[in-house]
Amino acid sequence: MSYEPIDYLPYDFANRRHIGPSPAEMSAMFERLGVEDLEALIDETVPRAIRQAKPLDFGKPKSERELLHHMREVASKNKVLKSLIGQGYHGTVTPPAIQRNIFENPAWYTAYTPYQPEISQGRLEALLNYQTMVSDLTGLEVANASLLDEATACAEAMTMAQRVAKSKAGAFFVDENCHPQNIAVMQTRAAPLGIEVIVGAPEDLEPEAVFGAIFQYPGTHGHVRDFTDVIAALHEAKAIAVVSADPLALCLLKEPGAMGADIAVGSTQRFGVPMGYGGPHAAYMAVKDDYKRSMPGRIVGVSVDSHGNRAYRLALQTREQHIRREKATSNVCTAQALLAVMAGFYAVFHGPEGLQAIAQRVHRKTVRLAKGLQAAGFAVEPEAFFDTITVEVGGLQRAVMKSAVDEGVNLRAVGKTRVGITLDEATRSDTIEAVWRAFGLTQRDEDVTPEYRLPEALIRSSSYLEHDVFHMNRAETEMMRYMRRLADRDLALDRAMIPLGSCTMKLNSAAEMMPVSWREFAMLHPYCPTDQAEGYAELIGDLSEKLCDITGYDAISMQPNSGAQGEYAGLLTIAAWHRAQGEGNRNVCLIPTSAHGTNPASAQMVGWKVVPVKSAANGDIDLDDFRAKAEKHSDALAACMITYPSTHGVFEETVQEVCEITHSHGGQVYIDGANMNAMVGLSRPGDLGGDVSHLNLHKTFCIPHGGGGPGMGPIGVKQHLVAHLPGHPTTGGTEGPVAAAPYGSPSLLPISWAYCLMMGGEGLTQATRVAILNANYIARRLEGAYDVLYKGPTGRVAHECILDTRPFEKSAGVTVEDIAKRLIDCGFHAPTMSWPVSGTLMVEPTESETKAELDRFCDAMLAIREEIRAIEDGEIDRENNPLKHAPHTMEDLVKEWDRPYSREQGCFPPGAFRVDKYWPPVNRVDNVFGDRNLICTCPPMSDYAEAAE
């Protein structure tokens, strides 16, 4: 018998690894949907008029092995030197236990934002540890769960100061000793809001002339000064004081709270998070208790569950921009959760003694470096410092800088005659000796006698990190188990599908993630010489070209480091273009009522007036209302912001007409890229009439959500807008920056690049098709049990669908929250709740889920519908039923059972795994209790002891 070879391709990443349903499964799904094949389904779903003419073609896709080999070659073009540039970025030592068990662990990096607290208790505890660390180090009562980077945290502090200050002044003072990127981002944020930024020396501050002021501590050139008196003067003038502080320095130096500061911000990057050529890193913000309800971002708080047990949750959620919309003063709707978790664990790993010891070592090394330079006759300032000194070298600056590079060290050019040097945790004696050699000194770093040059009046006297979690046994065995315990309390993608509409929780493959940890990508300073980052340049350039091909735009800016930042950057770009046309008066933005809440918030931040546009009965934009409002505001129309496919999960056939109407009245079209996963390879926003779009690389292009961050939100623009993209102090450009680093959070970009390279154009297009297939399959399987709120003309949905659960509240007393919590019992994260339509569930399965997982979800949803039907028929009590008691914990299972349904029905509903069942650690969390009794730091251990009793 002759051998018959098979045509199976084991290294086909797109179809064997990334896309969930197999060909056989897809055939069964086609049969259920009543279509012949995938192409027939797409023809019924995506209007022909918006389909792109030319298919995506990136050449032959790479296998995982080929990809990693290629990545190694590109990474090798980056030169990893010892960067002592400082300016808010530092070398650090990531404890291997944290790198392996947090940073590289899908249980942590594939989790979603903790909006469902019962299945997020692990990362909520880790973020509470982070908040406690920040609050303790800054000496301020309340901290948030992180912001995007230090520069944007400074900008958020500025606008928060304006909100809470009793001063009526219109200016904000910025210490000239702030890092340049911090100053630049604050200036960008201030301009459209009409805030005058005064940059100057603290001694020249006139408190009566400003509503607030910010000071860098230590200053960018190393100066350490006490701001107590100037803060007192600000308070006398009813102004707000902000301090941007290095958290490691605060282990030795007087904390901002002790100086009277109202707000403290900064970066926790040096707490074990690699520089990564600029990010991602967790910025922090802490405030006085009086101002906690005005703080931007997310706050983790302590509450109780339905049995009175302690439980964590996101507190004060009404501050989220999806609710405040155009009344918002910030468009922040994300954090850097994964990086905050790492920084918090760094503090847990080392404890207060370890952090103090690290800070002391960094300072003593800086003293030794300064002494060696001074002994050779160099003028070193300041006299007192923490880790940064500035050396006067006259005309030798260029020679010293070049010599340092030859020695494998990057220094900072300050003005034309000085050199800045910032030491860090990773600095060793051979680095100090290399710096000396760059200055022409040949000597050994052998005198390690401790010497301190800290300002006497600024030595910290208060204690910090007193909670027991920072004093646990730090043996790696114990640390590993603590990390595992917290991870086990969560439900992430490594356990189950997370079918969140608009959030696109797809596979984050191991091959895509691996290069992020490589030193060639992780250890570059964002302001290192460009010839040391040629690998990054190649990566960013090729990824930008591919994203232009995918979107139909002419250029990409990688600077925005979140989707909300992308919106803001895109609108700033449009506003700058209008000014260049002599039409800076245009300030009206048309936004459909169904839009993301960040859309109106972003428009407000660029100084525009938001005009809402109605939705038609079928969920589309009401074209008559849109046209009428465009005509009414024609002279002032700046832009419209639309999402495509619509937030309702439908390809609107009028999208091109909306774009034409906007352009005819002089406006620009911003197309939100949140739903790009339904378009890649099928339709391009730039072809539809879009002028600018942001892309959520943490959705469509596989960067993981990381428990609520990191993310990237680059913008694509048409040619006429290219000159108005965000600039940066280090790279030029006519416009100001929106983020601290030139390329946002570039150490994440290898993930999206790897995704494109392994999928290829055909694979990316197939992923889009299957995303649409999976959504339509769910909609069909649930047909009859739940109404799908919006469909296209042929009855199809795009990549997501909205299930209408509102009728059940009247018929059975069952709310959308009851259904969401019951899904936890089934082993699922709930779909997106009550958005864009209150009382509904928006389901997005993505292309990465197999038919078996889709069926498990559908089985669970159908079983929940039968439980609702039993309530409707009077077979189950309206208040005492599995939905109202959900989620059920293991404690419920083992304690006395007094419910009118069985343990099995309560704890093992359809969809739940029998052997590997996920057990939530707490019952339903009481949100109201948590907000009324706001606690945002670790409770004292005595509380835990009482709870245990």
Foldseek 3Di string as FASTA:
>chain_A
DDDDDDPDDCQQCLQNPFFFAHPVQQCVLCVLVVHDHLVRVCPLFFPPVFWDDDFFFPDDFDGLVRLVVVLVVLLVLFAFFQEQAPLFAHDAAAPPLCCVLFVQDQLQFQAAACQPFLQQQLLLVLLLLLQQLVCFLQVAAGKASFAFAQLVVLLLVQLLQVVPFPQPAQEEEEELLHRPLSVQQNVQLCVLVVYHYHYDHLVPDDLLRHQEYEEEAVGNQFRHDQCLVSQVNNVVNRHAYEYEYDSLVSLWWAHNVVSVHFKYKGWLCNLNAFCLLPDRTTIMMGGHPVSVLSRDDWFKWWFAFPVRHITIHTFNCCLQLLNCFLVHQDLDNFGASSNSSSSSLSLLLQFSVRSSVLQQVLQQLQVLLVVLCVVVPWDWDDQAGRFKIKTFAAQCQVQLQVQLVVLRYHWHDDPRGMIMGGHHSPDDQSNSQSSCVSVVDHDGSDPSPRDHRHPPVTTYDDDGRPFCSSVPPNDSVVSSVSSVVSSLQHFGVVQAFAFAQLFASGDLDSSLSVLLPDCSRRHDHNQGPVSSNSSLVVLVVVLQVSVCVQAVFDGKFLAFFALLLQLLLVLQLLLVLCVVVVLNQQAEEEEELQDRSSNSSSSVSSNHDYDYFYADQQRHTPVVRLLVVCVVCLSRHAEYEAEPVHSQQGHDPCQLVSLVSQVVSPYAYEYEQSPCLLRGRTRHNSVSNHFKYWHWCCRLQNSRCSNRDGTTTMMGGHPSSVLRGADGPSGDGDHGGNGSGSNSRSSSSSSSSSSCSSQGSVSSNVQSSLLQSLQQSLVSLCPPLWDFSHYDPSRGGTNKTKTAQVVLCVLQVFFPVLLQLQVVLLVYHFYDACHPHHRIGMTGRGSSHYPVSSVQSSQSSVQVSVQSVCRNVVVAPSCQGLSNFGPDAVVQLPDDDDGPDDSCCNRPPRNADDPPGRGRPRTHTDNVRCNVVTDRHDDHVVVVVVSVD
